[in-house]
Amino acid sequence: MRTTANIATVRAYEVRPEGLADTAKVLKNIVLFAAAPFIGLAYAAAFPFVAIGMLAWYGVRAARKRAVTA
């Protein structure tokens, strides 16, 4: 009788450390789930400032390029 082992069957027999690692993973997911609205709000609040900075950056670059060529 010939036996073959592939990755799926070998992983099925892995010994996973239970307890603290799983608890930490669950707590991390809960914290990220709770923090997600505040992170999104921070992005939404920062967007106008980033946009104004970007427009200013491109304006300064264009003005410097125009001053050099003129």
C-alpha atoms as a PDB file:
ATOM      1  CA  MET A   1       0.000   0.000   0.000  1.00  0.00           C
ATOM      2  CA  ARG A   2       1.360   3.383  -0.989  1.00  0.00           C
ATOM      3  CA  THR A   3       0.803   6.438   1.197  1.00  0.00           C
ATOM      4  CA  THR A   4       1.127   9.995  -0.040  1.00  0.00           C
ATOM      5  CA  ALA A   5       1.192  13.080   2.101  1.00  0.00           C
ATOM      6  CA  ASN A   6       0.422  16.449   0.696  1.00  0.00           C
ATOM      7  CA  ILE A   7       0.461  19.823   2.403  1.00  0.00           C
ATOM      8  CA  ALA A   8      -3.228  19.667   3.302  1.00  0.00           C
ATOM      9  CA  THR A   9      -2.950  16.365   5.136  1.00  0.00           C
ATOM     10  CA  VAL A  10       0.277  17.317   6.877  1.00  0.00           C
ATOM     11  CA  ARG A  11      -1.134  20.629   8.100  1.00  0.00           C
ATOM     12  CA  ALA A  12      -4.181  18.863   9.460  1.00  0.00           C
ATOM     13  CA  TYR A  13      -1.943  17.117  11.990  1.00  0.00           C
ATOM     14  CA  GLU A  14      -0.071  20.207  13.143  1.00  0.00           C
ATOM     15  CA  VAL A  15      -0.090  20.953  16.819  1.00  0.00           C
ATOM     16  CA  ARG A  16      -1.260  24.499  17.368  1.00  0.00           C
ATOM     17  CA  PRO A  17      -0.435  26.307  20.570  1.00  0.00           C
ATOM     18  CA  GLU A  18      -3.753  27.072  22.198  1.00  0.00           C
ATOM     19  CA  GLY A  19      -4.421  29.643  24.844  1.00  0.00           C
ATOM     20  CA  LEU A  20      -2.466  32.848  25.004  1.00  0.00           C
ATOM     21  CA  ALA A  21      -1.702  33.184  21.279  1.00  0.00           C
ATOM     22  CA  ASP A  22      -5.327  32.679  20.275  1.00  0.00           C
ATOM     23  CA  THR A  23      -6.523  35.042  23.000  1.00  0.00           C
ATOM     24  CA  ALA A  24      -4.102  37.736  21.828  1.00  0.00           C
ATOM     25  CA  LYS A  25      -5.278  37.328  18.230  1.00  0.00           C
ATOM     26  CA  VAL A  26      -8.935  37.647  19.242  1.00  0.00           C
ATOM     27  CA  LEU A  27      -8.235  40.697  21.399  1.00  0.00           C
ATOM     28  CA  LYS A  28      -6.294  42.336  18.573  1.00  0.00           C
ATOM     29  CA  ASN A  29      -9.209  41.796  16.198  1.00  0.00           C
ATOM     30  CA  ILE A  30     -11.673  43.235  18.717  1.00  0.00           C
ATOM     31  CA  VAL A  31      -9.508  46.323  19.279  1.00  0.00           C
ATOM     32  CA  LEU A  32      -9.090  46.886  15.532  1.00  0.00           C
ATOM     33  CA  PHE A  33     -12.839  46.462  14.998  1.00  0.00           C
ATOM     34  CA  ALA A  34     -13.571  49.043  17.703  1.00  0.00           C
ATOM     35  CA  ALA A  35     -10.912  51.473  16.453  1.00  0.00           C
ATOM     36  CA  ALA A  36     -11.850  51.292  12.765  1.00  0.00           C
ATOM     37  CA  PRO A  37     -14.488  54.071  12.825  1.00  0.00           C
ATOM     38  CA  PHE A  38     -12.076  56.443  14.570  1.00  0.00           C
ATOM     39  CA  ILE A  39      -9.291  55.645  12.123  1.00  0.00           C
ATOM     40  CA  GLY A  40     -11.685  56.318   9.239  1.00  0.00           C
ATOM     41  CA  LEU A  41     -12.761  59.575  10.861  1.00  0.00           C
ATOM     42  CA  ALA A  42      -9.130  60.642  11.198  1.00  0.00           C
ATOM     43  CA  TYR A  43      -8.563  59.960   7.496  1.00  0.00           C
ATOM     44  CA  ALA A  44     -11.682  61.920   6.574  1.00  0.00           C
ATOM     45  CA  ALA A  45     -10.670  64.841   8.802  1.00  0.00           C
ATOM     46  CA  ALA A  46      -7.102  64.897   7.446  1.00  0.00           C
ATOM     47  CA  PHE A  47      -8.118  64.726   3.777  1.00  0.00           C
ATOM     48  CA  PRO A  48      -8.757  68.475   3.252  1.00  0.00           C
ATOM     49  CA  PHE A  49      -5.387  69.366   4.784  1.00  0.00           C
ATOM     50  CA  VAL A  50      -3.588  66.822   2.652  1.00  0.00           C
ATOM     51  CA  ALA A  51      -5.376  68.101  -0.460  1.00  0.00           C
ATOM     52  CA  ILE A  52      -4.483  71.733   0.305  1.00  0.00           C
ATOM     53  CA  GLY A  53      -0.866  70.734   0.926  1.00  0.00           C
ATOM     54  CA  MET A  54      -0.759  68.825  -2.339  1.00  0.00           C
ATOM     55  CA  LEU A  55      -2.184  71.771  -4.277  1.00  0.00           C
ATOM     56  CA  ALA A  56       0.319  74.105  -2.630  1.00  0.00           C
ATOM     57  CA  TRP A  57       3.171  71.717  -3.465  1.00  0.00           C
ATOM     58  CA  TYR A  58       2.201  71.543  -7.132  1.00  0.00           C
ATOM     59  CA  GLY A  59       1.690  75.307  -7.223  1.00  0.00           C
ATOM     60  CA  VAL A  60       5.154  75.968  -5.802  1.00  0.00           C
ATOM     61  CA  ARG A  61       6.710  73.475  -8.225  1.00  0.00           C
ATOM     62  CA  ALA A  62       4.964  75.122 -11.169  1.00  0.00           C
ATOM     63  CA  ALA A  63       5.975  78.617 -10.016  1.00  0.00           C
ATOM     64  CA  ARG A  64       9.613  77.571  -9.581  1.00  0.00           C
ATOM     65  CA  LYS A  65       9.652  75.924 -13.002  1.00  0.00           C
ATOM     66  CA  ARG A  66       8.120  79.043 -14.562  1.00  0.00           C
ATOM     67  CA  ALA A  67      10.614  81.335 -12.780  1.00  0.00           C
ATOM     68  CA  VAL A  68      13.566  79.282 -14.019  1.00  0.00           C
ATOM     69  CA  THR A  69      12.418  79.241 -17.660  1.00  0.00           C
ATOM     70  CA  ALA A  70      11.405  82.913 -17.765  1.00  0.00           C
END
